[in-house]
């Protein structure tokens, strides 16, 4: 029996596949409609992204200008060079430094229709608001809620993939950005605290340690940056600032001390050139400091559900 175009309720343009024809011998019934898909909530998207990241490490300081971004960038590259899958997230919204330190100032974020794609520095995945600005010297004049929205987008919508470690470069202080990260990227596995030797720095950096303690974030250790000037000619170390302030602070606050990074012209030149100094035969003391940081991160107990 052949269906007729005059069959009641038959769709003449698609006869043979409509519901009205389903009872006619020799005509297959149309496939059932697909089940409705449940909308994925923002919280579920965020949880899914974070479930693929084994360790989330904050690099922070209560004081600006102590070299925190330098430490964060070189720590991420150091971990990458050791064979780990690493991401570097720059949430210093008002003063992003990471793009310049990796020679990515002119790079811009692309998307695939579903996610934002992080920039690549070798195998290191990098994201920063600097990749979203029309010009590198554009000012971001935002209040707290807008900053938290962007940080959530960086965690939720960036295609980080499977990572052994996400290093987060935070702005100085204990305000919106550190608090937003701690609320969104829970659980945070630990924090690296950066200071310079002089008291004006360590006094403010103590507040970052107190911040971590109040939010129950493990303080992995303290780095004393700009610890002595290394003469490029003879190698003699001159202590422009008081030395040992970071170590004394760590002892007084009962947290580990990772070591010192000297104030060397080669480090400043490497940062300006967009080349992490850890790649260019850095001073042995600096290498040991980064080794200590990496060891502390690798020694963290696995999170619940993490097979490693």
C-alpha atoms as a PDB file:
ATOM      1  CA  UNK A   1       0.000   0.000   0.000  1.00  0.00           C
ATOM      2  CA  UNK A   2       1.372   3.360  -0.995  1.00  0.00           C
ATOM      3  CA  UNK A   3       0.676   6.439   1.100  1.00  0.00           C
ATOM      4  CA  UNK A   4      -1.423   9.078  -0.625  1.00  0.00           C
ATOM      5  CA  UNK A   5      -0.655  12.758  -0.531  1.00  0.00           C
ATOM      6  CA  UNK A   6      -4.299  13.133   0.510  1.00  0.00           C
ATOM      7  CA  UNK A   7      -3.857  11.078   3.690  1.00  0.00           C
ATOM      8  CA  UNK A   8      -5.400  13.143   6.504  1.00  0.00           C
ATOM      9  CA  UNK A   9      -2.846  15.103   8.489  1.00  0.00           C
ATOM     10  CA  UNK A  10      -0.088  13.988   6.131  1.00  0.00           C
ATOM     11  CA  UNK A  11       2.812  16.380   5.555  1.00  0.00           C
ATOM     12  CA  UNK A  12       2.892  16.379   1.741  1.00  0.00           C
ATOM     13  CA  UNK A  13       6.445  17.623   1.645  1.00  0.00           C
ATOM     14  CA  UNK A  14       7.756  14.738   3.733  1.00  0.00           C
ATOM     15  CA  UNK A  15       5.254  11.933   3.181  1.00  0.00           C
ATOM     16  CA  UNK A  16       6.482   8.626   4.493  1.00  0.00           C
ATOM     17  CA  UNK A  17       8.181  10.077   7.562  1.00  0.00           C
ATOM     18  CA  UNK A  18       5.344  11.920   9.281  1.00  0.00           C
ATOM     19  CA  UNK A  19       3.308  10.570  12.167  1.00  0.00           C
ATOM     20  CA  UNK A  20       0.172  10.323  10.038  1.00  0.00           C
ATOM     21  CA  UNK A  21       1.878   7.748   7.809  1.00  0.00           C
ATOM     22  CA  UNK A  22       3.306   5.612  10.591  1.00  0.00           C
ATOM     23  CA  UNK A  23       0.479   3.034  10.499  1.00  0.00           C
ATOM     24  CA  UNK A  24       0.703   2.421   6.725  1.00  0.00           C
ATOM     25  CA  UNK A  25       2.330  -0.935   5.903  1.00  0.00           C
ATOM     26  CA  UNK A  26       5.825  -0.589   4.506  1.00  0.00           C
ATOM     27  CA  UNK A  27       6.349   2.881   5.903  1.00  0.00           C
ATOM     28  CA  UNK A  28       8.695   3.171   8.886  1.00  0.00           C
ATOM     29  CA  UNK A  29       7.557   5.166  11.858  1.00  0.00           C
ATOM     30  CA  UNK A  30       9.489   8.392  12.448  1.00  0.00           C
ATOM     31  CA  UNK A  31      12.181   8.236  15.138  1.00  0.00           C
ATOM     32  CA  UNK A  32      11.109   9.463  18.550  1.00  0.00           C
ATOM     33  CA  UNK A  33      12.188  12.992  19.443  1.00  0.00           C
ATOM     34  CA  UNK A  34      15.451  13.193  21.434  1.00  0.00           C
ATOM     35  CA  UNK A  35      15.007  13.483  25.183  1.00  0.00           C
ATOM     36  CA  UNK A  36      15.261  17.058  26.428  1.00  0.00           C
ATOM     37  CA  UNK A  37      18.782  17.924  27.529  1.00  0.00           C
ATOM     38  CA  UNK A  38      19.203  19.368  30.963  1.00  0.00           C
ATOM     39  CA  UNK A  39      20.822  22.769  30.979  1.00  0.00           C
ATOM     40  CA  UNK A  40      24.272  22.707  32.527  1.00  0.00           C
ATOM     41  CA  UNK A  41      24.501  25.277  35.278  1.00  0.00           C
ATOM     42  CA  UNK A  42      27.441  27.600  35.743  1.00  0.00           C
ATOM     43  CA  UNK A  43      28.327  25.826  38.976  1.00  0.00           C
ATOM     44  CA  UNK A  44      28.422  22.479  37.159  1.00  0.00           C
ATOM     45  CA  UNK A  45      30.629  23.901  34.405  1.00  0.00           C
ATOM     46  CA  UNK A  46      32.975  25.326  37.020  1.00  0.00           C
ATOM     47  CA  UNK A  47      33.102  22.057  38.962  1.00  0.00           C
ATOM     48  CA  UNK A  48      33.808  20.132  35.752  1.00  0.00           C
ATOM     49  CA  UNK A  49      36.749  22.385  34.826  1.00  0.00           C
ATOM     50  CA  UNK A  50      38.241  22.266  38.316  1.00  0.00           C
ATOM     51  CA  UNK A  51      37.855  18.481  38.567  1.00  0.00           C
ATOM     52  CA  UNK A  52      40.531  18.151  35.854  1.00  0.00           C
ATOM     53  CA  UNK A  53      43.094  20.242  37.748  1.00  0.00           C
ATOM     54  CA  UNK A  54      45.051  18.292  40.357  1.00  0.00           C
ATOM     55  CA  UNK A  55      46.665  21.201  42.216  1.00  0.00           C
ATOM     56  CA  UNK A  56      45.766  24.880  42.502  1.00  0.00           C
ATOM     57  CA  UNK A  57      48.602  27.015  43.870  1.00  0.00           C
ATOM     58  CA  UNK A  58      48.374  30.723  44.726  1.00  0.00           C
ATOM     59  CA  UNK A  59      51.361  33.060  44.491  1.00  0.00           C
ATOM     60  CA  UNK A  60      50.623  36.090  46.633  1.00  0.00           C
ATOM     61  CA  UNK A  61      52.039  38.932  48.649  1.00  0.00           C
ATOM     62  CA  UNK A  62      50.679  41.679  50.854  1.00  0.00           C
ATOM     63  CA  UNK A  63      53.030  44.137  49.145  1.00  0.00           C
ATOM     64  CA  UNK A  64      53.310  45.313  45.554  1.00  0.00           C
ATOM     65  CA  UNK A  65      56.597  45.438  43.686  1.00  0.00           C
ATOM     66  CA  UNK A  66      58.183  42.423  45.367  1.00  0.00           C
ATOM     67  CA  UNK A  67      58.484  40.325  42.199  1.00  0.00           C
ATOM     68  CA  UNK A  68      55.448  38.163  42.746  1.00  0.00           C
ATOM     69  CA  UNK A  69      54.641  37.827  39.031  1.00  0.00           C
ATOM     70  CA  UNK A  70      58.287  36.980  38.338  1.00  0.00           C
ATOM     71  CA  UNK A  71      58.116  34.176  40.896  1.00  0.00           C
ATOM     72  CA  UNK A  72      54.738  32.911  39.635  1.00  0.00           C
ATOM     73  CA  UNK A  73      55.825  32.869  35.985  1.00  0.00           C
ATOM     74  CA  UNK A  74      59.146  31.169  36.627  1.00  0.00           C
ATOM     75  CA  UNK A  75      57.564  28.665  39.021  1.00  0.00           C
ATOM     76  CA  UNK A  76      55.057  27.675  36.336  1.00  0.00           C
ATOM     77  CA  UNK A  77      57.808  27.314  33.716  1.00  0.00           C
ATOM     78  CA  UNK A  78      60.005  25.375  36.178  1.00  0.00           C
ATOM     79  CA  UNK A  79      57.162  22.900  36.767  1.00  0.00           C
ATOM     80  CA  UNK A  80      56.542  22.665  33.017  1.00  0.00           C
ATOM     81  CA  UNK A  81      60.207  21.915  32.344  1.00  0.00           C
ATOM     82  CA  UNK A  82      60.027  19.088  34.881  1.00  0.00           C
ATOM     83  CA  UNK A  83      57.422  17.388  32.695  1.00  0.00           C
ATOM     84  CA  UNK A  84      54.221  18.480  34.396  1.00  0.00           C
ATOM     85  CA  UNK A  85      51.072  19.741  32.692  1.00  0.00           C
ATOM     86  CA  UNK A  86      50.816  23.303  33.957  1.00  0.00           C
ATOM     87  CA  UNK A  87      48.538  26.318  33.615  1.00  0.00           C
ATOM     88  CA  UNK A  88      49.328  29.909  34.618  1.00  0.00           C
ATOM     89  CA  UNK A  89      46.394  32.183  35.473  1.00  0.00           C
ATOM     90  CA  UNK A  90      47.099  35.895  35.883  1.00  0.00           C
ATOM     91  CA  UNK A  91      44.320  37.532  37.924  1.00  0.00           C
ATOM     92  CA  UNK A  92      46.130  40.798  38.526  1.00  0.00           C
ATOM     93  CA  UNK A  93      43.330  42.600  36.707  1.00  0.00           C
ATOM     94  CA  UNK A  94      44.630  46.140  37.130  1.00  0.00           C
ATOM     95  CA  UNK A  95      48.271  45.359  36.389  1.00  0.00           C
ATOM     96  CA  UNK A  96      48.734  42.155  34.388  1.00  0.00           C
ATOM     97  CA  UNK A  97      52.436  41.365  34.031  1.00  0.00           C
ATOM     98  CA  UNK A  98      52.449  37.769  32.831  1.00  0.00           C
ATOM     99  CA  UNK A  99      51.928  38.481  29.085  1.00  0.00           C
ATOM    100  CA  UNK A 100      55.074  40.620  28.935  1.00  0.00           C
ATOM    101  CA  UNK A 101      57.127  38.124  30.919  1.00  0.00           C
ATOM    102  CA  UNK A 102      56.321  35.440  28.343  1.00  0.00           C
ATOM    103  CA  UNK A 103      56.641  37.674  25.263  1.00  0.00           C
ATOM    104  CA  UNK A 104      52.886  37.418  24.658  1.00  0.00           C
ATOM    105  CA  UNK A 105      51.989  41.114  24.781  1.00  0.00           C
ATOM    106  CA  UNK A 106      50.451  41.071  21.301  1.00  0.00           C
ATOM    107  CA  UNK A 107      48.574  37.789  21.730  1.00  0.00           C
ATOM    108  CA  UNK A 108      44.779  37.794  21.914  1.00  0.00           C
ATOM    109  CA  UNK A 109      42.347  35.185  23.174  1.00  0.00           C
ATOM    110  CA  UNK A 110      40.444  33.030  20.688  1.00  0.00           C
ATOM    111  CA  UNK A 111      37.402  30.848  21.256  1.00  0.00           C
ATOM    112  CA  UNK A 112      36.023  27.630  19.768  1.00  0.00           C
ATOM    113  CA  UNK A 113      32.344  28.448  20.254  1.00  0.00           C
ATOM    114  CA  UNK A 114      32.171  26.775  23.651  1.00  0.00           C
ATOM    115  CA  UNK A 115      35.326  27.770  25.497  1.00  0.00           C
ATOM    116  CA  UNK A 116      38.045  30.384  25.643  1.00  0.00           C
ATOM    117  CA  UNK A 117      41.346  28.956  24.464  1.00  0.00           C
ATOM    118  CA  UNK A 118      44.371  29.689  26.659  1.00  0.00           C
ATOM    119  CA  UNK A 119      47.540  30.985  25.047  1.00  0.00           C
ATOM    120  CA  UNK A 120      50.435  28.547  24.727  1.00  0.00           C
ATOM    121  CA  UNK A 121      53.992  29.139  25.883  1.00  0.00           C
ATOM    122  CA  UNK A 122      55.554  25.863  24.811  1.00  0.00           C
ATOM    123  CA  UNK A 123      53.276  23.426  26.684  1.00  0.00           C
ATOM    124  CA  UNK A 124      52.346  25.965  29.373  1.00  0.00           C
ATOM    125  CA  UNK A 125      48.718  27.161  29.144  1.00  0.00           C
ATOM    126  CA  UNK A 126      48.366  30.863  29.988  1.00  0.00           C
ATOM    127  CA  UNK A 127      45.412  33.196  30.572  1.00  0.00           C
ATOM    128  CA  UNK A 128      45.392  36.873  31.549  1.00  0.00           C
ATOM    129  CA  UNK A 129      43.146  39.894  31.160  1.00  0.00           C
ATOM    130  CA  UNK A 130      46.077  41.318  29.230  1.00  0.00           C
ATOM    131  CA  UNK A 131      45.019  39.095  26.320  1.00  0.00           C
ATOM    132  CA  UNK A 132      41.577  40.719  26.282  1.00  0.00           C
ATOM    133  CA  UNK A 133      42.566  44.391  26.235  1.00  0.00           C
ATOM    134  CA  UNK A 134      42.693  46.360  22.957  1.00  0.00           C
ATOM    135  CA  UNK A 135      46.068  47.803  24.004  1.00  0.00           C
ATOM    136  CA  UNK A 136      48.540  46.696  26.651  1.00  0.00           C
ATOM    137  CA  UNK A 137      48.415  50.064  28.425  1.00  0.00           C
ATOM    138  CA  UNK A 138      44.603  50.256  28.657  1.00  0.00           C
ATOM    139  CA  UNK A 139      43.351  50.846  32.201  1.00  0.00           C
ATOM    140  CA  UNK A 140      40.776  48.481  33.722  1.00  0.00           C
ATOM    141  CA  UNK A 141      38.498  50.553  35.942  1.00  0.00           C
ATOM    142  CA  UNK A 142      36.307  47.969  37.630  1.00  0.00           C
ATOM    143  CA  UNK A 143      34.657  47.404  40.974  1.00  0.00           C
ATOM    144  CA  UNK A 144      34.641  44.115  42.846  1.00  0.00           C
ATOM    145  CA  UNK A 145      31.620  42.342  41.281  1.00  0.00           C
ATOM    146  CA  UNK A 146      32.985  42.743  37.748  1.00  0.00           C
ATOM    147  CA  UNK A 147      36.353  41.370  38.821  1.00  0.00           C
ATOM    148  CA  UNK A 148      34.754  38.319  40.404  1.00  0.00           C
ATOM    149  CA  UNK A 149      32.731  37.717  37.220  1.00  0.00           C
ATOM    150  CA  UNK A 150      35.897  37.736  35.109  1.00  0.00           C
ATOM    151  CA  UNK A 151      37.767  35.453  37.505  1.00  0.00           C
ATOM    152  CA  UNK A 152      34.862  33.015  37.409  1.00  0.00           C
ATOM    153  CA  UNK A 153      34.948  33.107  33.605  1.00  0.00           C
ATOM    154  CA  UNK A 154      38.682  32.371  33.614  1.00  0.00           C
ATOM    155  CA  UNK A 155      38.104  29.305  35.780  1.00  0.00           C
ATOM    156  CA  UNK A 156      34.819  28.167  34.256  1.00  0.00           C
ATOM    157  CA  UNK A 157      35.078  28.933  30.543  1.00  0.00           C
ATOM    158  CA  UNK A 158      38.788  28.531  29.711  1.00  0.00           C
ATOM    159  CA  UNK A 159      39.693  25.174  28.168  1.00  0.00           C
ATOM    160  CA  UNK A 160      42.413  24.300  30.677  1.00  0.00           C
ATOM    161  CA  UNK A 161      42.093  20.579  30.055  1.00  0.00           C
ATOM    162  CA  UNK A 162      43.874  18.100  32.300  1.00  0.00           C
ATOM    163  CA  UNK A 163      46.475  19.865  34.465  1.00  0.00           C
ATOM    164  CA  UNK A 164      48.846  18.682  37.141  1.00  0.00           C
ATOM    165  CA  UNK A 165      49.046  22.220  38.512  1.00  0.00           C
ATOM    166  CA  UNK A 166      47.409  25.610  37.992  1.00  0.00           C
ATOM    167  CA  UNK A 167      49.602  28.464  39.256  1.00  0.00           C
ATOM    168  CA  UNK A 168      47.579  31.600  40.050  1.00  0.00           C
ATOM    169  CA  UNK A 169      49.358  34.963  40.055  1.00  0.00           C
ATOM    170  CA  UNK A 170      47.433  37.238  42.446  1.00  0.00           C
ATOM    171  CA  UNK A 171      47.640  41.018  42.833  1.00  0.00           C
ATOM    172  CA  UNK A 172      49.066  42.405  46.081  1.00  0.00           C
ATOM    173  CA  UNK A 173      46.862  42.527  49.141  1.00  0.00           C
ATOM    174  CA  UNK A 174      43.988  40.480  50.506  1.00  0.00           C
ATOM    175  CA  UNK A 175      41.035  42.018  48.649  1.00  0.00           C
ATOM    176  CA  UNK A 176      38.604  41.023  45.911  1.00  0.00           C
ATOM    177  CA  UNK A 177      40.834  38.914  43.680  1.00  0.00           C
ATOM    178  CA  UNK A 178      42.386  36.635  46.339  1.00  0.00           C
ATOM    179  CA  UNK A 179      39.031  36.194  48.048  1.00  0.00           C
ATOM    180  CA  UNK A 180      37.263  35.421  44.745  1.00  0.00           C
ATOM    181  CA  UNK A 181      39.824  32.768  43.818  1.00  0.00           C
ATOM    182  CA  UNK A 182      39.552  31.161  47.252  1.00  0.00           C
ATOM    183  CA  UNK A 183      35.760  31.043  47.003  1.00  0.00           C
ATOM    184  CA  UNK A 184      35.587  29.790  43.407  1.00  0.00           C
ATOM    185  CA  UNK A 185      38.601  27.465  43.064  1.00  0.00           C
ATOM    186  CA  UNK A 186      37.904  25.508  46.202  1.00  0.00           C
ATOM    187  CA  UNK A 187      39.792  23.685  47.501  1.00  0.00           C
ATOM    188  CA  UNK A 188      42.966  25.707  47.047  1.00  0.00           C
ATOM    189  CA  UNK A 189      45.913  23.407  47.697  1.00  0.00           C
ATOM    190  CA  UNK A 190      48.455  25.931  48.936  1.00  0.00           C
ATOM    191  CA  UNK A 191      50.020  29.371  48.724  1.00  0.00           C
ATOM    192  CA  UNK A 192      53.535  30.596  48.003  1.00  0.00           C
ATOM    193  CA  UNK A 193      54.229  33.907  49.752  1.00  0.00           C
ATOM    194  CA  UNK A 194      56.684  36.370  48.183  1.00  0.00           C
ATOM    195  CA  UNK A 195      58.466  39.150  50.046  1.00  0.00           C
ATOM    196  CA  UNK A 196      61.588  41.276  49.866  1.00  0.00           C
ATOM    197  CA  UNK A 197      63.977  41.406  52.851  1.00  0.00           C
ATOM    198  CA  UNK A 198      63.155  44.834  54.278  1.00  0.00           C
ATOM    199  CA  UNK A 199      60.719  45.300  57.132  1.00  0.00           C
ATOM    200  CA  UNK A 200      58.338  47.535  55.173  1.00  0.00           C
ATOM    201  CA  UNK A 201      57.638  44.501  52.977  1.00  0.00           C
ATOM    202  CA  UNK A 202      57.551  41.742  55.574  1.00  0.00           C
ATOM    203  CA  UNK A 203      55.127  43.734  57.736  1.00  0.00           C
ATOM    204  CA  UNK A 204      52.547  43.703  54.929  1.00  0.00           C
ATOM    205  CA  UNK A 205      53.310  40.177  53.789  1.00  0.00           C
ATOM    206  CA  UNK A 206      52.410  38.870  57.236  1.00  0.00           C
ATOM    207  CA  UNK A 207      48.818  39.845  56.412  1.00  0.00           C
ATOM    208  CA  UNK A 208      48.825  37.472  53.454  1.00  0.00           C
ATOM    209  CA  UNK A 209      49.848  34.641  55.750  1.00  0.00           C
ATOM    210  CA  UNK A 210      47.073  35.567  58.177  1.00  0.00           C
ATOM    211  CA  UNK A 211      44.650  35.660  55.235  1.00  0.00           C
ATOM    212  CA  UNK A 212      45.600  32.097  54.294  1.00  0.00           C
ATOM    213  CA  UNK A 213      45.337  30.909  57.864  1.00  0.00           C
ATOM    214  CA  UNK A 214      41.852  32.376  58.286  1.00  0.00           C
ATOM    215  CA  UNK A 215      40.681  30.725  55.063  1.00  0.00           C
ATOM    216  CA  UNK A 216      42.439  27.451  55.930  1.00  0.00           C
ATOM    217  CA  UNK A 217      44.743  27.559  52.915  1.00  0.00           C
ATOM    218  CA  UNK A 218      48.087  25.829  53.562  1.00  0.00           C
ATOM    219  CA  UNK A 219      51.039  28.224  53.395  1.00  0.00           C
ATOM    220  CA  UNK A 220      53.612  26.154  51.514  1.00  0.00           C
ATOM    221  CA  UNK A 221      56.426  28.583  52.217  1.00  0.00           C
ATOM    222  CA  UNK A 222      58.000  32.022  51.877  1.00  0.00           C
ATOM    223  CA  UNK A 223      60.340  33.243  49.120  1.00  0.00           C
ATOM    224  CA  UNK A 224      62.715  36.124  49.830  1.00  0.00           C
ATOM    225  CA  UNK A 225      63.110  37.920  46.495  1.00  0.00           C
ATOM    226  CA  UNK A 226      65.688  40.617  45.637  1.00  0.00           C
ATOM    227  CA  UNK A 227      67.881  39.205  48.364  1.00  0.00           C
ATOM    228  CA  UNK A 228      71.213  40.874  47.685  1.00  0.00           C
ATOM    229  CA  UNK A 229      72.585  42.392  44.480  1.00  0.00           C
ATOM    230  CA  UNK A 230      74.864  40.126  42.465  1.00  0.00           C
ATOM    231  CA  UNK A 231      77.575  42.056  40.599  1.00  0.00           C
ATOM    232  CA  UNK A 232      77.586  40.865  36.970  1.00  0.00           C
ATOM    233  CA  UNK A 233      81.345  41.471  36.777  1.00  0.00           C
ATOM    234  CA  UNK A 234      82.845  39.818  39.843  1.00  0.00           C
ATOM    235  CA  UNK A 235      79.848  37.983  41.315  1.00  0.00           C
ATOM    236  CA  UNK A 236      80.142  39.724  44.684  1.00  0.00           C
ATOM    237  CA  UNK A 237      76.842  40.035  46.563  1.00  0.00           C
ATOM    238  CA  UNK A 238      75.929  43.442  48.012  1.00  0.00           C
ATOM    239  CA  UNK A 239      72.957  43.595  50.366  1.00  0.00           C
ATOM    240  CA  UNK A 240      71.172  46.720  49.213  1.00  0.00           C
ATOM    241  CA  UNK A 241      68.242  45.874  51.464  1.00  0.00           C
ATOM    242  CA  UNK A 242      68.542  44.250  54.864  1.00  0.00           C
ATOM    243  CA  UNK A 243      69.072  40.555  54.342  1.00  0.00           C
ATOM    244  CA  UNK A 244      67.243  37.692  56.023  1.00  0.00           C
ATOM    245  CA  UNK A 245      63.944  39.497  56.636  1.00  0.00           C
ATOM    246  CA  UNK A 246      61.881  36.910  54.821  1.00  0.00           C
ATOM    247  CA  UNK A 247      63.479  34.015  56.659  1.00  0.00           C
ATOM    248  CA  UNK A 248      62.983  35.693  60.043  1.00  0.00           C
ATOM    249  CA  UNK A 249      59.342  36.364  59.250  1.00  0.00           C
ATOM    250  CA  UNK A 250      58.806  32.750  58.193  1.00  0.00           C
ATOM    251  CA  UNK A 251      60.380  31.517  61.435  1.00  0.00           C
ATOM    252  CA  UNK A 252      58.300  33.874  63.572  1.00  0.00           C
ATOM    253  CA  UNK A 253      55.082  32.820  61.835  1.00  0.00           C
ATOM    254  CA  UNK A 254      55.994  29.110  61.853  1.00  0.00           C
ATOM    255  CA  UNK A 255      55.841  28.599  58.085  1.00  0.00           C
ATOM    256  CA  UNK A 256      58.493  27.059  55.821  1.00  0.00           C
ATOM    257  CA  UNK A 257      61.170  29.163  54.130  1.00  0.00           C
ATOM    258  CA  UNK A 258      61.924  28.204  50.515  1.00  0.00           C
ATOM    259  CA  UNK A 259      65.030  30.302  50.024  1.00  0.00           C
ATOM    260  CA  UNK A 260      66.293  33.467  48.345  1.00  0.00           C
ATOM    261  CA  UNK A 261      66.351  34.883  44.827  1.00  0.00           C
ATOM    262  CA  UNK A 262      69.074  37.497  44.342  1.00  0.00           C
ATOM    263  CA  UNK A 263      68.687  40.858  42.645  1.00  0.00           C
ATOM    264  CA  UNK A 264      70.622  40.083  39.467  1.00  0.00           C
ATOM    265  CA  UNK A 265      70.674  42.222  36.283  1.00  0.00           C
ATOM    266  CA  UNK A 266      70.206  39.070  34.223  1.00  0.00           C
ATOM    267  CA  UNK A 267      66.860  38.408  35.909  1.00  0.00           C
ATOM    268  CA  UNK A 268      65.547  41.878  35.102  1.00  0.00           C
ATOM    269  CA  UNK A 269      66.794  41.680  31.522  1.00  0.00           C
ATOM    270  CA  UNK A 270      65.184  38.277  31.012  1.00  0.00           C
ATOM    271  CA  UNK A 271      61.813  39.552  32.268  1.00  0.00           C
ATOM    272  CA  UNK A 272      61.972  42.561  29.941  1.00  0.00           C
ATOM    273  CA  UNK A 273      62.833  40.276  27.018  1.00  0.00           C
ATOM    274  CA  UNK A 274      59.902  37.985  27.745  1.00  0.00           C
ATOM    275  CA  UNK A 275      62.108  35.018  28.603  1.00  0.00           C
ATOM    276  CA  UNK A 276      61.707  33.326  32.016  1.00  0.00           C
ATOM    277  CA  UNK A 277      65.082  33.594  33.737  1.00  0.00           C
ATOM    278  CA  UNK A 278      64.787  30.019  34.985  1.00  0.00           C
ATOM    279  CA  UNK A 279      65.539  28.988  31.360  1.00  0.00           C
ATOM    280  CA  UNK A 280      68.832  30.931  31.186  1.00  0.00           C
ATOM    281  CA  UNK A 281      71.286  29.447  33.683  1.00  0.00           C
ATOM    282  CA  UNK A 282      70.041  31.371  36.733  1.00  0.00           C
ATOM    283  CA  UNK A 283      72.097  31.652  39.935  1.00  0.00           C
ATOM    284  CA  UNK A 284      72.377  28.342  41.769  1.00  0.00           C
ATOM    285  CA  UNK A 285      70.627  29.784  44.825  1.00  0.00           C
ATOM    286  CA  UNK A 286      67.605  30.668  42.682  1.00  0.00           C
ATOM    287  CA  UNK A 287      67.470  27.178  41.186  1.00  0.00           C
ATOM    288  CA  UNK A 288      67.481  25.637  44.655  1.00  0.00           C
ATOM    289  CA  UNK A 289      64.672  27.953  45.751  1.00  0.00           C
ATOM    290  CA  UNK A 290      62.491  26.888  42.819  1.00  0.00           C
ATOM    291  CA  UNK A 291      63.377  23.245  43.419  1.00  0.00           C
ATOM    292  CA  UNK A 292      62.178  23.661  47.009  1.00  0.00           C
ATOM    293  CA  UNK A 293      58.898  25.165  45.814  1.00  0.00           C
ATOM    294  CA  UNK A 294      58.352  22.397  43.270  1.00  0.00           C
ATOM    295  CA  UNK A 295      59.089  19.729  45.866  1.00  0.00           C
ATOM    296  CA  UNK A 296      56.571  21.243  48.287  1.00  0.00           C
ATOM    297  CA  UNK A 297      53.882  21.239  45.584  1.00  0.00           C
ATOM    298  CA  UNK A 298      54.617  17.673  44.499  1.00  0.00           C
ATOM    299  CA  UNK A 299      54.554  16.514  48.124  1.00  0.00           C
ATOM    300  CA  UNK A 300      51.016  17.758  48.726  1.00  0.00           C
ATOM    301  CA  UNK A 301      48.598  14.989  49.691  1.00  0.00           C
ATOM    302  CA  UNK A 302      46.254  14.035  46.836  1.00  0.00           C
ATOM    303  CA  UNK A 303      42.794  15.525  46.815  1.00  0.00           C
ATOM    304  CA  UNK A 304      39.796  13.309  47.306  1.00  0.00           C
ATOM    305  CA  UNK A 305      39.232  11.418  44.066  1.00  0.00           C
ATOM    306  CA  UNK A 306      42.732  12.169  42.734  1.00  0.00           C
ATOM    307  CA  UNK A 307      44.371   8.830  41.842  1.00  0.00           C
ATOM    308  CA  UNK A 308      47.917  10.249  41.962  1.00  0.00           C
END
